PDB file of N, CA and C in Angstrom:
ATOM      1  N   UNK A   1       0.834  -1.167  -0.018  1.00  0.00           N
ATOM      2  CA  UNK A   1       0.020  -0.005  -0.016  1.00  0.00           C
ATOM      3  C   UNK A   1       0.879   1.275   0.001  1.00  0.00           C
ATOM      4  N   UNK A   2       0.539   2.211  -0.849  1.00  0.00           N
ATOM      5  CA  UNK A   2       1.343   3.406  -0.914  1.00  0.00           C
ATOM      6  C   UNK A   2       0.764   4.493  -0.027  1.00  0.00           C
ATOM      7  N   UNK A   3       1.657   5.341   0.454  1.00  0.00           N
ATOM      8  CA  UNK A   3       1.210   6.482   1.283  1.00  0.00           C
ATOM      9  C   UNK A   3       0.520   7.510   0.446  1.00  0.00           C
ATOM     10  N   UNK A   4      -0.540   8.125   0.965  1.00  0.00           N
ATOM     11  CA  UNK A   4      -1.202   9.179   0.215  1.00  0.00           C
ATOM     12  C   UNK A   4      -0.289  10.348  -0.046  1.00  0.00           C
ATOM     13  N   UNK A   5      -0.373  10.912  -1.224  1.00  0.00           N
ATOM     14  CA  UNK A   5       0.453  12.091  -1.554  1.00  0.00           C
ATOM     15  C   UNK A   5      -0.037  13.311  -0.776  1.00  0.00           C
ATOM     16  N   UNK A   6       0.894  14.173  -0.333  1.00  0.00           N
ATOM     17  CA  UNK A   6       0.453  15.335   0.389  1.00  0.00           C
ATOM     18  C   UNK A   6      -0.325  16.267  -0.523  1.00  0.00           C
ATOM     19  N   UNK A   7      -1.306  16.915   0.043  1.00  0.00           N
ATOM     20  CA  UNK A   7      -2.130  17.851  -0.768  1.00  0.00           C
ATOM     21  C   UNK A   7      -1.261  19.097  -1.023  1.00  0.00           C
ATOM     22  N   UNK A   8      -1.195  19.478  -2.293  1.00  0.00           N
ATOM     23  CA  UNK A   8      -0.420  20.625  -2.674  1.00  0.00           C
ATOM     24  C   UNK A   8      -1.178  21.892  -2.299  1.00  0.00           C
ATOM     25  N   UNK A   9      -0.525  22.826  -1.663  1.00  0.00           N
ATOM     26  CA  UNK A   9      -1.206  24.136  -1.377  1.00  0.00           C
ATOM     27  C   UNK A   9      -1.541  24.840  -2.681  1.00  0.00           C
ATOM     28  N   UNK A  10      -2.681  25.473  -2.745  1.00  0.00           N
ATOM     29  CA  UNK A  10      -3.100  26.169  -3.904  1.00  0.00           C
ATOM     30  C   UNK A  10      -2.530  27.598  -3.884  1.00  0.00           C
ATOM     31  N   UNK A  11      -1.286  27.763  -4.267  1.00  0.00           N
ATOM     32  CA  UNK A  11      -0.648  29.022  -4.267  1.00  0.00           C
ATOM     33  C   UNK A  11      -0.772  29.692  -5.641  1.00  0.00           C
ATOM     34  N   UNK A  12      -1.162  30.934  -5.698  1.00  0.00           N
ATOM     35  CA  UNK A  12      -1.373  31.631  -6.953  1.00  0.00           C
ATOM     36  C   UNK A  12      -0.128  31.571  -7.830  1.00  0.00           C
ATOM     37  N   UNK A  13       1.057  31.684  -7.250  1.00  0.00           N
ATOM     38  CA  UNK A  13       2.313  31.663  -7.995  1.00  0.00           C
ATOM     39  C   UNK A  13       2.568  30.329  -8.662  1.00  0.00           C
ATOM     40  N   UNK A  14       1.901  29.249  -8.252  1.00  0.00           N
ATOM     41  CA  UNK A  14       2.096  27.929  -8.872  1.00  0.00           C
ATOM     42  C   UNK A  14       0.926  27.539  -9.694  1.00  0.00           C
ATOM     43  N   UNK A  15       0.122  28.470 -10.117  1.00  0.00           N
ATOM     44  CA  UNK A  15      -1.076  28.145 -10.941  1.00  0.00           C
ATOM     45  C   UNK A  15      -0.702  28.021 -12.392  1.00  0.00           C
ATOM     46  N   UNK A  16      -1.282  27.046 -13.085  1.00  0.00           N
ATOM     47  CA  UNK A  16      -1.045  26.767 -14.490  1.00  0.00           C
ATOM     48  C   UNK A  16      -1.492  27.995 -15.328  1.00  0.00           C
ATOM     49  N   UNK A  17      -2.457  28.675 -14.900  1.00  0.00           N
ATOM     50  CA  UNK A  17      -3.046  29.785 -15.719  1.00  0.00           C
ATOM     51  C   UNK A  17      -2.410  31.151 -15.479  1.00  0.00           C
ATOM     52  N   UNK A  18      -1.440  31.211 -14.616  1.00  0.00           N
ATOM     53  CA  UNK A  18      -0.784  32.474 -14.286  1.00  0.00           C
ATOM     54  C   UNK A  18       0.187  32.894 -15.373  1.00  0.00           C
ATOM     55  N   UNK A  19       0.061  34.148 -15.792  1.00  0.00           N
ATOM     56  CA  UNK A  19       1.052  34.720 -16.794  1.00  0.00           C
ATOM     57  C   UNK A  19       1.541  36.031 -16.150  1.00  0.00           C
ATOM     58  N   UNK A  20       2.858  36.050 -15.853  1.00  0.00           N
ATOM     59  CA  UNK A  20       3.473  37.259 -15.357  1.00  0.00           C
ATOM     60  C   UNK A  20       4.068  37.992 -16.554  1.00  0.00           C
ATOM     61  N   UNK A  21       3.772  39.295 -16.634  1.00  0.00           N
ATOM     62  CA  UNK A  21       4.246  40.106 -17.700  1.00  0.00           C
ATOM     63  C   UNK A  21       4.503  41.545 -17.238  1.00  0.00           C
ATOM     64  N   UNK A  22       5.185  42.254 -18.012  1.00  0.00           N
ATOM     65  CA  UNK A  22       5.465  43.686 -17.663  1.00  0.00           C
ATOM     66  C   UNK A  22       4.277  44.517 -18.049  1.00  0.00           C
ATOM     67  N   UNK A  23       3.960  45.531 -17.253  1.00  0.00           N
ATOM     68  CA  UNK A  23       2.854  46.452 -17.490  1.00  0.00           C
ATOM     69  C   UNK A  23       3.255  47.371 -18.668  1.00  0.00           C
ATOM     70  N   UNK A  24       2.276  47.970 -19.325  1.00  0.00           N
ATOM     71  CA  UNK A  24       2.614  48.871 -20.465  1.00  0.00           C
ATOM     72  C   UNK A  24       3.509  50.018 -20.054  1.00  0.00           C
ATOM     73  N   UNK A  25       3.350  50.533 -18.821  1.00  0.00           N
ATOM     74  CA  UNK A  25       4.194  51.587 -18.347  1.00  0.00           C
ATOM     75  C   UNK A  25       5.195  50.967 -17.363  1.00  0.00           C
ATOM     76  N   UNK A  26       6.454  51.196 -17.547  1.00  0.00           N
ATOM     77  CA  UNK A  26       7.494  50.598 -16.707  1.00  0.00           C
ATOM     78  C   UNK A  26       7.327  50.913 -15.208  1.00  0.00           C
ATOM     79  N   UNK A  27       6.813  52.047 -14.863  1.00  0.00           N
ATOM     80  CA  UNK A  27       6.646  52.428 -13.463  1.00  0.00           C
ATOM     81  C   UNK A  27       5.571  51.574 -12.787  1.00  0.00           C
ATOM     82  N   UNK A  28       4.734  50.923 -13.556  1.00  0.00           N
ATOM     83  CA  UNK A  28       3.675  50.129 -12.974  1.00  0.00           C
ATOM     84  C   UNK A  28       4.213  48.750 -12.482  1.00  0.00           C
ATOM     85  N   UNK A  29       5.249  48.247 -13.112  1.00  0.00           N
ATOM     86  CA  UNK A  29       5.817  46.998 -12.648  1.00  0.00           C
ATOM     87  C   UNK A  29       5.229  45.769 -13.341  1.00  0.00           C
ATOM     88  N   UNK A  30       5.132  44.674 -12.591  1.00  0.00           N
ATOM     89  CA  UNK A  30       4.618  43.442 -13.144  1.00  0.00           C
ATOM     90  C   UNK A  30       3.109  43.305 -13.068  1.00  0.00           C
ATOM     91  N   UNK A  31       2.533  42.622 -14.045  1.00  0.00           N
ATOM     92  CA  UNK A  31       1.115  42.301 -13.999  1.00  0.00           C
ATOM     93  C   UNK A  31       0.983  40.763 -13.881  1.00  0.00           C
ATOM     94  N   UNK A  32       0.071  40.325 -13.048  1.00  0.00           N
ATOM     95  CA  UNK A  32      -0.237  38.911 -12.927  1.00  0.00           C
ATOM     96  C   UNK A  32      -1.564  38.656 -13.522  1.00  0.00           C
ATOM     97  N   UNK A  33      -1.528  38.046 -14.749  1.00  0.00           N
ATOM     98  CA  UNK A  33      -2.770  37.866 -15.465  1.00  0.00           C
ATOM     99  C   UNK A  33      -3.195  36.414 -15.491  1.00  0.00           C
ATOM    100  N   UNK A  34      -4.521  36.187 -15.539  1.00  0.00           N
ATOM    101  CA  UNK A  34      -5.071  34.890 -15.595  1.00  0.00           C
ATOM    102  C   UNK A  34      -5.383  34.511 -17.075  1.00  0.00           C
ATOM    103  N   UNK A  35      -4.906  33.352 -17.519  1.00  0.00           N
ATOM    104  CA  UNK A  35      -5.139  32.990 -18.903  1.00  0.00           C
ATOM    105  C   UNK A  35      -6.251  31.937 -19.043  1.00  0.00           C
ATOM    106  N   UNK A  36      -6.978  31.634 -17.931  1.00  0.00           N
ATOM    107  CA  UNK A  36      -8.069  30.662 -18.003  1.00  0.00           C
ATOM    108  C   UNK A  36      -9.120  31.247 -18.923  1.00  0.00           C
ATOM    109  N   UNK A  37      -9.850  30.368 -19.639  1.00  0.00           N
ATOM    110  CA  UNK A  37     -10.839  30.820 -20.583  1.00  0.00           C
ATOM    111  C   UNK A  37     -11.954  31.724 -19.961  1.00  0.00           C
ATOM    112  N   UNK A  38     -12.238  31.473 -18.691  1.00  0.00           N
ATOM    113  CA  UNK A  38     -13.253  32.271 -18.003  1.00  0.00           C
ATOM    114  C   UNK A  38     -12.799  33.657 -17.714  1.00  0.00           C
ATOM    115  N   UNK A  39     -11.526  33.833 -17.342  1.00  0.00           N
ATOM    116  CA  UNK A  39     -10.969  35.156 -16.950  1.00  0.00           C
ATOM    117  C   UNK A  39      -9.927  35.680 -17.932  1.00  0.00           C
ATOM    118  N   UNK A  40      -9.820  35.126 -19.080  1.00  0.00           N
ATOM    119  CA  UNK A  40      -8.726  35.417 -19.996  1.00  0.00           C
ATOM    120  C   UNK A  40      -8.339  36.918 -20.060  1.00  0.00           C
ATOM    121  N   UNK A  41      -7.129  37.171 -19.553  1.00  0.00           N
ATOM    122  CA  UNK A  41      -6.617  38.527 -19.621  1.00  0.00           C
ATOM    123  C   UNK A  41      -6.905  39.383 -18.371  1.00  0.00           C
ATOM    124  N   UNK A  42      -7.779  38.908 -17.468  1.00  0.00           N
ATOM    125  CA  UNK A  42      -8.061  39.660 -16.266  1.00  0.00           C
ATOM    126  C   UNK A  42      -6.958  39.457 -15.261  1.00  0.00           C
ATOM    127  N   UNK A  43      -6.853  40.360 -14.346  1.00  0.00           N
ATOM    128  CA  UNK A  43      -5.809  40.264 -13.293  1.00  0.00           C
ATOM    129  C   UNK A  43      -6.073  39.045 -12.425  1.00  0.00           C
ATOM    130  N   UNK A  44      -5.008  38.349 -12.043  1.00  0.00           N
ATOM    131  CA  UNK A  44      -5.134  37.175 -11.160  1.00  0.00           C
ATOM    132  C   UNK A  44      -5.616  37.606  -9.803  1.00  0.00           C
ATOM    133  N   UNK A  45      -6.440  36.768  -9.216  1.00  0.00           N
ATOM    134  CA  UNK A  45      -7.054  37.124  -7.886  1.00  0.00           C
ATOM    135  C   UNK A  45      -6.076  37.000  -6.775  1.00  0.00           C
ATOM    136  N   UNK A  46      -4.926  36.294  -7.012  1.00  0.00           N
ATOM    137  CA  UNK A  46      -3.876  36.178  -5.958  1.00  0.00           C
ATOM    138  C   UNK A  46      -4.345  35.450  -4.744  1.00  0.00           C
ATOM    139  N   UNK A  47      -3.851  35.706  -3.579  1.00  0.00           N
ATOM    140  CA  UNK A  47      -2.822  36.638  -3.231  1.00  0.00           C
ATOM    141  C   UNK A  47      -1.404  36.080  -3.536  1.00  0.00           C
ATOM    142  N   UNK A  48      -0.439  36.950  -3.574  1.00  0.00           N
ATOM    143  CA  UNK A  48       0.961  36.527  -3.769  1.00  0.00           C
ATOM    144  C   UNK A  48       1.753  36.789  -2.510  1.00  0.00           C
ATOM    145  N   UNK A  49       1.332  36.076  -1.479  1.00  0.00           N
ATOM    146  CA  UNK A  49       2.005  36.110  -0.155  1.00  0.00           C
ATOM    147  C   UNK A  49       2.716  34.794   0.061  1.00  0.00           C
ATOM    148  N   UNK A  50       3.604  34.775   0.995  1.00  0.00           N
ATOM    149  CA  UNK A  50       4.445  33.596   1.240  1.00  0.00           C
ATOM    150  C   UNK A  50       3.702  32.225   1.218  1.00  0.00           C
ATOM    151  N   UNK A  51       2.782  32.118   2.115  1.00  0.00           N
ATOM    152  CA  UNK A  51       2.099  30.802   2.193  1.00  0.00           C
ATOM    153  C   UNK A  51       0.569  30.894   2.248  1.00  0.00           C
ATOM    154  N   UNK A  52       0.071  32.023   1.738  1.00  0.00           N
ATOM    155  CA  UNK A  52      -1.408  32.237   1.692  1.00  0.00           C
ATOM    156  C   UNK A  52      -1.930  31.565   0.425  1.00  0.00           C
ATOM    157  N   UNK A  53      -2.899  30.648   0.634  1.00  0.00           N
ATOM    158  CA  UNK A  53      -3.492  30.026  -0.525  1.00  0.00           C
ATOM    159  C   UNK A  53      -4.517  30.891  -1.216  1.00  0.00           C
ATOM    160  N   UNK A  54      -4.710  30.659  -2.527  1.00  0.00           N
ATOM    161  CA  UNK A  54      -5.656  31.446  -3.264  1.00  0.00           C
ATOM    162  C   UNK A  54      -7.050  30.857  -3.090  1.00  0.00           C
ATOM    163  N   UNK A  55      -8.063  31.660  -3.156  1.00  0.00           N
ATOM    164  CA  UNK A  55      -9.444  31.240  -3.086  1.00  0.00           C
ATOM    165  C   UNK A  55     -10.041  30.985  -4.441  1.00  0.00           C
ATOM    166  N   UNK A  56      -9.228  31.151  -5.479  1.00  0.00           N
ATOM    167  CA  UNK A  56      -9.626  30.997  -6.879  1.00  0.00           C
ATOM    168  C   UNK A  56     -10.079  29.546  -7.125  1.00  0.00           C
ATOM    169  N   UNK A  57     -11.256  29.384  -7.663  1.00  0.00           N
ATOM    170  CA  UNK A  57     -11.826  28.035  -7.967  1.00  0.00           C
ATOM    171  C   UNK A  57     -11.270  27.485  -9.261  1.00  0.00           C
ATOM    172  N   UNK A  58     -10.496  28.228 -10.027  1.00  0.00           N
ATOM    173  CA  UNK A  58      -9.974  27.801 -11.292  1.00  0.00           C
ATOM    174  C   UNK A  58      -8.562  27.282 -11.194  1.00  0.00           C
ATOM    175  N   UNK A  59      -7.951  27.310 -10.034  1.00  0.00           N
ATOM    176  CA  UNK A  59      -6.561  26.973  -9.825  1.00  0.00           C
ATOM    177  C   UNK A  59      -6.243  25.534 -10.241  1.00  0.00           C
ATOM    178  N   UNK A  60      -5.155  25.372 -10.999  1.00  0.00           N
ATOM    179  CA  UNK A  60      -4.639  24.048 -11.353  1.00  0.00           C
ATOM    180  C   UNK A  60      -3.159  24.126 -11.212  1.00  0.00           C
ATOM    181  N   UNK A  61      -2.477  23.029 -10.860  1.00  0.00           N
ATOM    182  CA  UNK A  61      -1.028  23.074 -10.699  1.00  0.00           C
ATOM    183  C   UNK A  61      -0.367  23.200 -12.094  1.00  0.00           C
ATOM    184  N   UNK A  62       0.762  23.912 -12.086  1.00  0.00           N
ATOM    185  CA  UNK A  62       1.582  24.004 -13.335  1.00  0.00           C
ATOM    186  C   UNK A  62       2.047  22.610 -13.717  1.00  0.00           C
ATOM    187  N   UNK A  63       1.943  22.229 -14.959  1.00  0.00           N
ATOM    188  CA  UNK A  63       2.446  20.909 -15.383  1.00  0.00           C
ATOM    189  C   UNK A  63       3.963  20.897 -15.254  1.00  0.00           C
ATOM    190  N   UNK A  64       4.467  19.801 -14.711  1.00  0.00           N
ATOM    191  CA  UNK A  64       5.887  19.666 -14.554  1.00  0.00           C
ATOM    192  C   UNK A  64       6.479  20.476 -13.444  1.00  0.00           C
ATOM    193  N   UNK A  65       5.680  21.115 -12.633  1.00  0.00           N
ATOM    194  CA  UNK A  65       6.179  21.908 -11.486  1.00  0.00           C
ATOM    195  C   UNK A  65       6.634  20.946 -10.408  1.00  0.00           C
ATOM    196  N   UNK A  66       7.940  20.822 -10.318  1.00  0.00           N
ATOM    197  CA  UNK A  66       8.503  19.907  -9.317  1.00  0.00           C
ATOM    198  C   UNK A  66       8.994  20.618  -8.092  1.00  0.00           C
ATOM    199  N   UNK A  67       8.386  21.782  -7.837  1.00  0.00           N
ATOM    200  CA  UNK A  67       8.763  22.573  -6.646  1.00  0.00           C
ATOM    201  C   UNK A  67       8.509  21.737  -5.432  1.00  0.00           C
ATOM    202  N   UNK A  68       9.372  21.885  -4.512  1.00  0.00           N
ATOM    203  CA  UNK A  68       9.186  21.139  -3.267  1.00  0.00           C
ATOM    204  C   UNK A  68       7.986  21.752  -2.477  1.00  0.00           C
ATOM    205  N   UNK A  69       7.221  20.915  -1.843  1.00  0.00           N
ATOM    206  CA  UNK A  69       6.077  21.434  -1.112  1.00  0.00           C
ATOM    207  C   UNK A  69       6.537  22.378   0.017  1.00  0.00           C
ATOM    208  N   UNK A  70       5.734  23.341   0.274  1.00  0.00           N
ATOM    209  CA  UNK A  70       6.040  24.269   1.349  1.00  0.00           C
ATOM    210  C   UNK A  70       5.748  23.649   2.700  1.00  0.00           C
ATOM    211  N   UNK A  71       6.491  23.966   3.728  1.00  0.00           N
ATOM    212  CA  UNK A  71       6.193  23.425   5.042  1.00  0.00           C
ATOM    213  C   UNK A  71       4.914  23.971   5.566  1.00  0.00           C
ATOM    214  N   UNK A  72       4.204  23.141   6.267  1.00  0.00           N
ATOM    215  CA  UNK A  72       2.901  23.551   6.860  1.00  0.00           C
ATOM    216  C   UNK A  72       3.061  23.792   8.334  1.00  0.00           C
TER     217      UNK A  72
END
């Protein structure tokens, strides 16, 4: 019997649909956009805090993201 895999925290920074890009004006900085078909081009709901999970119901893990899980 195999051990159950740990549940991955739903962090906005590890979402498959996240696209980080530069804003049109350099002073504005980075934009975090959602590429999901429902929100295509809208700003990501975030949050982008150390270990705060997103409440977004569209979150999916990035394919091939082998990031180590964050400590709980």
